[in-house]
Amino acid sequence: MKTAIYPGSFDPITLGHLNIIKRAAVCFDKLIVCVLINSDKHGGLFTPEERADLIRRVVAKLPNVEVDCSATLLAEYARQKKACTLVKGLRAVSDYENELQMALINRKLNPRLETMFLPSSAKYTYVSSSVVKEMARYGADLSDFVPREIIDDVNAKMKSRRDG
């Protein structure tokens, strides 16, 4: 069985992320969407567990997709899950430069681990979790950016942040 991992912070999951998930899911027997704790990103909107729950709701109809959280080094997590491939979405050339470096490091740490780059679909190239959070902060319509299943969650979380 070919297992792949799509890692990220997903704070929150966007339609761009979902597009990569759906496209990668057809390439593998199992796709694990893994919410990683990123040491460079502090003070997320949602906790990692909340992010995983939101993703589970969004991918519920994709039978070969599972969702997990991990604070483990990605190459080690992949070894534990017997995954052969990491899936990484690319929006721009700058993404490629960063992701290539990480792919080489992961391959050094786990020589059996490949990285597959999927270019973003054109209509999602500008979508990021950071942009979504900024839009939500101002009460903008998120329907073109976030899966409909979680729009209310994002808006409620942002409202509680503003009111809190």
Foldseek 3Di string as FASTA:
>chain_A
DAEEEAEDQPLPPKVQNVVLVVVVLVVGQAYEYENEDDPVDPDGLDDSVVNQVLVCVVCVVSVRYHYYYDPDDPLVVCVVVVHQEYEAEDLDVVSVVVVVVVQVVSCVVHVSYHYDYDYTDVLCSPADSVVVLVCLLVPHDCPSIHPPSCPVVSNVSSVVVVVD
